[in-house]
C-alpha atoms as a PDB file:
ATOM      1  CA  MET A   1       0.000   0.000   0.000  1.00  0.00           C
ATOM      2  CA  GLY A   2       1.317   3.436  -0.963  1.00  0.00           C
ATOM      3  CA  SER A   3       1.897   6.282   1.428  1.00  0.00           C
ATOM      4  CA  ALA A   4      -1.120   8.187   0.024  1.00  0.00           C
ATOM      5  CA  GLU A   5      -3.407   5.250   0.707  1.00  0.00           C
ATOM      6  CA  LYS A   6      -2.002   4.860   4.239  1.00  0.00           C
ATOM      7  CA  SER A   7      -2.601   8.538   4.918  1.00  0.00           C
ATOM      8  CA  SER A   8      -6.192   8.344   3.618  1.00  0.00           C
ATOM      9  CA  ALA A   9      -6.912   5.265   5.690  1.00  0.00           C
ATOM     10  CA  ALA A  10      -5.502   6.928   8.831  1.00  0.00           C
ATOM     11  CA  ARG A  11      -7.561  10.064   8.203  1.00  0.00           C
ATOM     12  CA  THR A  12     -10.705   7.990   7.697  1.00  0.00           C
ATOM     13  CA  ALA A  13     -10.019   6.110  10.925  1.00  0.00           C
ATOM     14  CA  ARG A  14      -9.547   9.365  12.850  1.00  0.00           C
ATOM     15  CA  ILE A  15     -12.792  10.782  11.418  1.00  0.00           C
ATOM     16  CA  GLU A  16     -14.669   7.633  12.367  1.00  0.00           C
ATOM     17  CA  GLU A  17     -13.193   7.721  15.852  1.00  0.00           C
ATOM     18  CA  MET A  18     -14.189  11.382  16.234  1.00  0.00           C
ATOM     19  CA  ARG A  19     -17.714  10.559  15.000  1.00  0.00           C
ATOM     20  CA  ARG A  20     -18.068   7.756  17.530  1.00  0.00           C
ATOM     21  CA  ALA A  21     -16.770  10.042  20.285  1.00  0.00           C
ATOM     22  CA  GLY A  22     -19.269  12.734  19.277  1.00  0.00           C
ATOM     23  CA  GLN A  23     -22.131  10.246  19.321  1.00  0.00           C
ATOM     24  CA  ALA A  24     -21.034   9.057  22.755  1.00  0.00           C
ATOM     25  CA  ARG A  25     -20.995  12.666  24.034  1.00  0.00           C
ATOM     26  CA  GLU A  26     -24.479  13.256  22.641  1.00  0.00           C
ATOM     27  CA  ARG A  27     -25.775  10.127  24.393  1.00  0.00           C
ATOM     28  CA  ARG A  28     -24.200  11.244  27.690  1.00  0.00           C
ATOM     29  CA  ASN A  29     -25.658  14.740  27.311  1.00  0.00           C
ATOM     30  CA  ARG A  30     -29.124  13.336  26.653  1.00  0.00           C
ATOM     31  CA  ILE A  31     -28.850  11.161  29.719  1.00  0.00           C
ATOM     32  CA  LEU A  32     -27.735  14.146  31.844  1.00  0.00           C
ATOM     33  CA  VAL A  33     -30.568  16.320  30.514  1.00  0.00           C
ATOM     34  CA  VAL A  34     -33.143  13.631  31.268  1.00  0.00           C
ATOM     35  CA  ALA A  35     -31.706  13.084  34.740  1.00  0.00           C
ATOM     36  CA  ALA A  36     -31.664  16.811  35.476  1.00  0.00           C
ATOM     37  CA  SER A  37     -35.258  17.123  34.302  1.00  0.00           C
ATOM     38  CA  VAL A  38     -36.302  14.318  36.615  1.00  0.00           C
ATOM     39  CA  VAL A  39     -34.571  16.028  39.542  1.00  0.00           C
ATOM     40  CA  VAL A  40     -36.217  19.379  38.761  1.00  0.00           C
ATOM     41  CA  VAL A  41     -39.671  17.839  38.448  1.00  0.00           C
ATOM     42  CA  ALA A  42     -39.172  15.898  41.659  1.00  0.00           C
ATOM     43  CA  GLY A  43     -38.072  19.071  43.408  1.00  0.00           C
ATOM     44  CA  LEU A  44     -41.119  20.975  42.187  1.00  0.00           C
ATOM     45  CA  VAL A  45     -43.412  18.209  43.348  1.00  0.00           C
ATOM     46  CA  ALA A  46     -41.713  18.037  46.743  1.00  0.00           C
ATOM     47  CA  GLY A  47     -41.830  21.817  47.054  1.00  0.00           C
ATOM     48  CA  GLY A  48     -45.521  21.807  46.284  1.00  0.00           C
ATOM     49  CA  VAL A  49     -46.114  19.161  48.932  1.00  0.00           C
ATOM     50  CA  VAL A  50     -44.145  21.180  51.502  1.00  0.00           C
ATOM     51  CA  LEU A  51     -46.018  24.376  50.579  1.00  0.00           C
ATOM     52  CA  VAL A  52     -49.386  22.676  50.887  1.00  0.00           C
ATOM     53  CA  GLN A  53     -48.336  21.130  54.182  1.00  0.00           C
ATOM     54  CA  ALA A  54     -47.101  24.492  55.492  1.00  0.00           C
ATOM     55  CA  GLN A  55     -50.364  26.168  54.514  1.00  0.00           C
ATOM     56  CA  SER A  56     -52.231  23.379  56.209  1.00  0.00           C
ATOM     57  CA  ASP A  57     -50.124  23.713  59.353  1.00  0.00           C
ATOM     58  CA  ASP A  58     -50.709  27.448  59.734  1.00  0.00           C
ATOM     59  CA  GLY A  59     -54.336  27.295  58.670  1.00  0.00           C
ATOM     60  CA  GLY A  60     -53.629  29.187  55.464  1.00  0.00           C
ATOM     61  CA  GLY A  61     -53.591  32.493  57.320  1.00  0.00           C
ATOM     62  CA  SER A  62     -51.309  35.453  56.695  1.00  0.00           C
ATOM     63  CA  ALA A  63     -50.026  35.887  60.232  1.00  0.00           C
ATOM     64  CA  ALA A  64     -46.568  34.588  61.075  1.00  0.00           C
ATOM     65  CA  ASP A  65     -46.182  32.073  63.872  1.00  0.00           C
ATOM     66  CA  ASP A  66     -45.808  34.070  67.093  1.00  0.00           C
ATOM     67  CA  ALA A  67     -44.766  31.101  69.247  1.00  0.00           C
ATOM     68  CA  LYS A  68     -41.320  32.692  69.652  1.00  0.00           C
ATOM     69  CA  THR A  69     -42.954  35.742  71.240  1.00  0.00           C
ATOM     70  CA  ALA A  70     -44.399  34.298  74.407  1.00  0.00           C
ATOM     71  CA  GLY A  71     -44.538  35.682  77.915  1.00  0.00           C
ATOM     72  CA  LYS A  72     -46.176  38.442  79.916  1.00  0.00           C
ATOM     73  CA  PHE A  73     -45.505  41.849  81.394  1.00  0.00           C
ATOM     74  CA  ALA A  74     -44.122  42.485  84.878  1.00  0.00           C
ATOM     75  CA  THR A  75     -44.198  46.053  86.182  1.00  0.00           C
ATOM     76  CA  ASP A  76     -40.905  47.347  87.550  1.00  0.00           C
ATOM     77  CA  ALA A  77     -40.587  49.802  90.440  1.00  0.00           C
ATOM     78  CA  ASP A  78     -40.292  52.746  88.044  1.00  0.00           C
ATOM     79  CA  GLY A  79     -43.636  51.914  86.429  1.00  0.00           C
ATOM     80  CA  VAL A  80     -42.135  50.426  83.273  1.00  0.00           C
ATOM     81  CA  ARG A  81     -43.660  47.150  82.124  1.00  0.00           C
ATOM     82  CA  ALA A  82     -40.899  44.701  81.218  1.00  0.00           C
ATOM     83  CA  TRP A  83     -41.609  41.697  79.018  1.00  0.00           C
ATOM     84  CA  ARG A  84     -40.816  38.469  80.812  1.00  0.00           C
ATOM     85  CA  GLY A  85     -40.476  35.812  78.172  1.00  0.00           C
ATOM     86  CA  THR A  86     -39.134  35.349  74.672  1.00  0.00           C
ATOM     87  CA  LEU A  87     -39.145  37.766  71.749  1.00  0.00           C
ATOM     88  CA  GLY A  88     -38.494  36.332  68.302  1.00  0.00           C
ATOM     89  CA  ARG A  89     -36.114  38.186  66.006  1.00  0.00           C
ATOM     90  CA  GLU A  90     -36.650  36.527  62.640  1.00  0.00           C
ATOM     91  CA  HIS A  91     -37.185  38.589  59.490  1.00  0.00           C
ATOM     92  CA  VAL A  92     -40.600  37.923  57.944  1.00  0.00           C
ATOM     93  CA  THR A  93     -42.492  39.536  55.079  1.00  0.00           C
ATOM     94  CA  LYS A  94     -46.016  38.735  56.252  1.00  0.00           C
ATOM     95  CA  SER A  95     -48.043  40.127  59.124  1.00  0.00           C
ATOM     96  CA  VAL A  96     -47.315  39.063  62.696  1.00  0.00           C
ATOM     97  CA  ASP A  97     -49.928  38.422  65.366  1.00  0.00           C
ATOM     98  CA  TYR A  98     -48.271  40.264  68.262  1.00  0.00           C
ATOM     99  CA  PRO A  99     -49.620  39.515  71.753  1.00  0.00           C
ATOM    100  CA  VAL A 100     -49.673  43.193  72.818  1.00  0.00           C
ATOM    101  CA  THR A 101     -50.493  46.512  71.134  1.00  0.00           C
ATOM    102  CA  PRO A 102     -48.206  48.272  70.424  1.00  0.00           C
ATOM    103  CA  PRO A 103     -45.792  45.328  70.191  1.00  0.00           C
ATOM    104  CA  VAL A 104     -42.609  45.376  72.263  1.00  0.00           C
ATOM    105  CA  GLY A 105     -40.630  43.057  70.006  1.00  0.00           C
ATOM    106  CA  GLY A 106     -40.827  39.834  68.076  1.00  0.00           C
ATOM    107  CA  ASP A 107     -40.387  38.726  64.484  1.00  0.00           C
ATOM    108  CA  HIS A 108     -40.438  41.708  62.153  1.00  0.00           C
ATOM    109  CA  ASN A 109     -40.114  43.015  58.619  1.00  0.00           C
ATOM    110  CA  PRO A 110     -36.579  43.107  57.150  1.00  0.00           C
ATOM    111  CA  VAL A 111     -36.939  46.891  56.648  1.00  0.00           C
ATOM    112  CA  TRP A 112     -37.196  49.252  59.609  1.00  0.00           C
ATOM    113  CA  MET A 113     -39.161  52.475  59.865  1.00  0.00           C
ATOM    114  CA  ASN A 114     -36.941  55.527  59.876  1.00  0.00           C
ATOM    115  CA  CYS A 115     -36.575  56.531  63.503  1.00  0.00           C
ATOM    116  CA  ASN A 116     -34.311  59.572  63.520  1.00  0.00           C
ATOM    117  CA  GLY A 117     -36.905  61.739  65.232  1.00  0.00           C
ATOM    118  CA  ASP A 118     -39.512  60.795  62.605  1.00  0.00           C
ATOM    119  CA  VAL A 119     -43.158  61.688  63.252  1.00  0.00           C
ATOM    120  CA  TYR A 120     -45.781  59.827  61.194  1.00  0.00           C
ATOM    121  CA  GLU A 121     -49.282  61.257  60.948  1.00  0.00           C
ATOM    122  CA  ASP A 122     -50.812  57.935  59.860  1.00  0.00           C
ATOM    123  CA  GLU A 123     -50.556  54.461  61.334  1.00  0.00           C
ATOM    124  CA  ILE A 124     -47.478  52.505  60.299  1.00  0.00           C
ATOM    125  CA  ASN A 125     -46.886  48.807  59.841  1.00  0.00           C
ATOM    126  CA  PRO A 126     -46.005  47.398  63.281  1.00  0.00           C
ATOM    127  CA  THR A 127     -43.608  44.859  61.772  1.00  0.00           C
ATOM    128  CA  ASN A 128     -41.462  47.721  60.454  1.00  0.00           C
ATOM    129  CA  ALA A 129     -41.683  49.615  63.737  1.00  0.00           C
ATOM    130  CA  VAL A 130     -40.577  46.547  65.706  1.00  0.00           C
ATOM    131  CA  HIS A 131     -37.448  46.454  63.564  1.00  0.00           C
ATOM    132  CA  SER A 132     -36.796  50.045  64.682  1.00  0.00           C
ATOM    133  CA  LEU A 133     -37.133  48.905  68.301  1.00  0.00           C
ATOM    134  CA  GLU A 134     -34.525  46.241  67.598  1.00  0.00           C
ATOM    135  CA  HIS A 135     -32.170  49.063  66.558  1.00  0.00           C
ATOM    136  CA  GLY A 136     -32.649  50.791  69.892  1.00  0.00           C
ATOM    137  CA  ALA A 137     -35.429  53.234  69.048  1.00  0.00           C
ATOM    138  CA  VAL A 138     -38.255  54.369  71.312  1.00  0.00           C
ATOM    139  CA  TRP A 139     -41.675  54.352  69.677  1.00  0.00           C
ATOM    140  CA  VAL A 140     -44.148  56.978  70.922  1.00  0.00           C
ATOM    141  CA  THR A 141     -47.748  56.051  70.112  1.00  0.00           C
ATOM    142  CA  TYR A 142     -51.151  57.554  70.818  1.00  0.00           C
ATOM    143  CA  ASN A 143     -54.802  56.844  70.163  1.00  0.00           C
ATOM    144  CA  GLY A 144     -57.826  59.032  69.484  1.00  0.00           C
ATOM    145  CA  ASP A 145     -58.246  59.871  73.181  1.00  0.00           C
ATOM    146  CA  ALA A 146     -54.919  61.722  73.380  1.00  0.00           C
ATOM    147  CA  PRO A 147     -55.434  65.513  73.512  1.00  0.00           C
ATOM    148  CA  GLU A 148     -54.256  67.261  70.363  1.00  0.00           C
ATOM    149  CA  ALA A 149     -52.057  69.637  72.347  1.00  0.00           C
ATOM    150  CA  GLU A 150     -50.253  66.694  73.968  1.00  0.00           C
ATOM    151  CA  VAL A 151     -49.762  65.006  70.597  1.00  0.00           C
ATOM    152  CA  GLU A 152     -48.180  68.176  69.217  1.00  0.00           C
ATOM    153  CA  ALA A 153     -45.926  68.588  72.253  1.00  0.00           C
ATOM    154  CA  LEU A 154     -44.798  64.967  72.071  1.00  0.00           C
ATOM    155  CA  ALA A 155     -44.130  65.314  68.346  1.00  0.00           C
ATOM    156  CA  ALA A 156     -41.903  68.322  69.019  1.00  0.00           C
ATOM    157  CA  LYS A 157     -39.942  66.302  71.587  1.00  0.00           C
ATOM    158  CA  VAL A 158     -39.581  63.344  69.216  1.00  0.00           C
ATOM    159  CA  ARG A 159     -38.316  65.505  66.370  1.00  0.00           C
ATOM    160  CA  LYS A 160     -35.447  66.641  68.595  1.00  0.00           C
ATOM    161  CA  THR A 161     -34.520  63.136  69.732  1.00  0.00           C
ATOM    162  CA  PRO A 162     -32.545  60.729  67.508  1.00  0.00           C
ATOM    163  CA  TYR A 163     -33.579  57.077  67.644  1.00  0.00           C
ATOM    164  CA  THR A 164     -37.250  57.878  68.240  1.00  0.00           C
ATOM    165  CA  LEU A 165     -40.364  57.683  66.106  1.00  0.00           C
ATOM    166  CA  MET A 166     -44.004  58.537  66.676  1.00  0.00           C
ATOM    167  CA  SER A 167     -47.279  57.400  65.128  1.00  0.00           C
ATOM    168  CA  PRO A 168     -50.942  56.851  65.990  1.00  0.00           C
ATOM    169  CA  VAL A 169     -52.057  53.348  67.000  1.00  0.00           C
ATOM    170  CA  ASP A 170     -55.829  53.246  67.302  1.00  0.00           C
ATOM    171  CA  GLY A 171     -55.840  49.746  68.775  1.00  0.00           C
ATOM    172  CA  GLN A 172     -53.903  50.615  71.926  1.00  0.00           C
ATOM    173  CA  GLU A 173     -55.730  50.868  75.241  1.00  0.00           C
ATOM    174  CA  ASP A 174     -54.071  53.965  76.751  1.00  0.00           C
ATOM    175  CA  PRO A 175     -53.955  57.435  75.156  1.00  0.00           C
ATOM    176  CA  VAL A 176     -50.139  57.698  75.112  1.00  0.00           C
ATOM    177  CA  VAL A 177     -47.649  54.817  75.271  1.00  0.00           C
ATOM    178  CA  LEU A 178     -43.852  54.689  75.088  1.00  0.00           C
ATOM    179  CA  THR A 179     -42.321  51.466  73.764  1.00  0.00           C
ATOM    180  CA  ALA A 180     -38.767  50.132  73.569  1.00  0.00           C
ATOM    181  CA  TRP A 181     -37.613  46.605  72.804  1.00  0.00           C
ATOM    182  CA  GLY A 182     -39.096  44.506  75.617  1.00  0.00           C
ATOM    183  CA  HIS A 183     -40.293  47.536  77.622  1.00  0.00           C
ATOM    184  CA  GLN A 184     -43.353  49.770  77.697  1.00  0.00           C
ATOM    185  CA  ARG A 185     -45.149  52.322  79.824  1.00  0.00           C
ATOM    186  CA  THR A 186     -48.036  54.744  79.675  1.00  0.00           C
ATOM    187  CA  VAL A 187     -47.602  58.479  80.277  1.00  0.00           C
ATOM    188  CA  THR A 188     -50.020  61.358  80.746  1.00  0.00           C
ATOM    189  CA  GLY A 189     -48.414  63.636  78.170  1.00  0.00           C
ATOM    190  CA  ALA A 190     -45.277  65.444  77.080  1.00  0.00           C
ATOM    191  CA  ALA A 191     -44.793  67.118  80.471  1.00  0.00           C
ATOM    192  CA  ASP A 192     -44.864  63.812  82.366  1.00  0.00           C
ATOM    193  CA  PRO A 193     -41.360  63.330  83.883  1.00  0.00           C
ATOM    194  CA  ALA A 194     -41.620  59.666  82.921  1.00  0.00           C
ATOM    195  CA  VAL A 195     -41.209  60.624  79.257  1.00  0.00           C
ATOM    196  CA  ASP A 196     -37.695  61.999  79.651  1.00  0.00           C
ATOM    197  CA  ALA A 197     -36.793  59.191  82.061  1.00  0.00           C
ATOM    198  CA  PHE A 198     -37.912  56.557  79.547  1.00  0.00           C
ATOM    199  CA  LEU A 199     -36.071  58.203  76.676  1.00  0.00           C
ATOM    200  CA  GLU A 200     -32.920  58.566  78.774  1.00  0.00           C
ATOM    201  CA  LYS A 201     -32.941  54.896  79.742  1.00  0.00           C
ATOM    202  CA  PHE A 202     -34.109  53.178  76.573  1.00  0.00           C
ATOM    203  CA  VAL A 203     -32.930  55.222  73.573  1.00  0.00           C
ATOM    204  CA  GLN A 204     -29.999  53.018  72.491  1.00  0.00           C
ATOM    205  CA  GLY A 205     -30.291  51.444  75.938  1.00  0.00           C
ATOM    206  CA  GLN A 206     -29.000  48.170  77.296  1.00  0.00           C
ATOM    207  CA  GLN A 207     -32.112  46.362  76.030  1.00  0.00           C
ATOM    208  CA  THR A 208     -31.130  47.057  72.397  1.00  0.00           C
ATOM    209  CA  PRO A 209     -30.494  43.810  70.473  1.00  0.00           C
ATOM    210  CA  GLU A 210     -28.621  45.618  67.656  1.00  0.00           C
ATOM    211  CA  LEU A 211     -26.911  48.507  69.370  1.00  0.00           C
ATOM    212  CA  GLY A 212     -25.723  51.178  66.943  1.00  0.00           C
ATOM    213  CA  ALA A 213     -27.732  49.894  63.976  1.00  0.00           C
ATOM    214  CA  ALA A 214     -29.070  52.574  61.637  1.00  0.00           C
ATOM    215  CA  CYS A 215     -32.310  54.478  62.171  1.00  0.00           C
ATOM    216  CA  THR A 216     -32.181  56.010  58.699  1.00  0.00           C
ATOM    217  CA  GLY A 217     -32.251  54.395  55.276  1.00  0.00           C
ATOM    218  CA  GLY A 218     -35.460  52.496  55.990  1.00  0.00           C
ATOM    219  CA  LEU A 219     -39.082  53.283  55.246  1.00  0.00           C
ATOM    220  CA  SER A 220     -40.295  56.855  55.558  1.00  0.00           C
ATOM    221  CA  LYS A 221     -44.039  56.253  55.215  1.00  0.00           C
END
């Protein structure tokens, strides 16, 4: 056999070998695609089962499980009610069924309400406000029974005090309430000495879970 024939035969053999290798790769790729599809489908089915089970477990409601926020108030000598129990600190995007109004802590929205002396004329989402409490803010709240003059005086005090925020909460029992993480008390108005005492003790106080965390850069309404 001449050298030209040997060269042609070798080239043909290499082409055939490359063709077989390509076919083998295609078979492997098809197998991998099928296997991956099976895994994806199985995952979707399992996820659907878990979702249905989770909805069944929580009754299909929108409120987050508040089991991590369990306990009761005990009144200290200074008149401040301190929460004796647990306060969850998970970030959640749905509503939370807090055991007290206004809440003193618990699971909360990932975004805080701005609390650099911010005064809100309308009610705010409590899950955002609780995040502000976690950052060491004091939340001043009032209901429809609070005198307008007292609301204005309290708002002026809040605006001058970093790490505070103020908003109406119609569902609260007392006209004016001060709330920090795990602590709360009622006051008669802006001139009540308990207001300054509460702010002095609890603005960025020892109760703060995330001391020094920002009170700006969150929600403003």
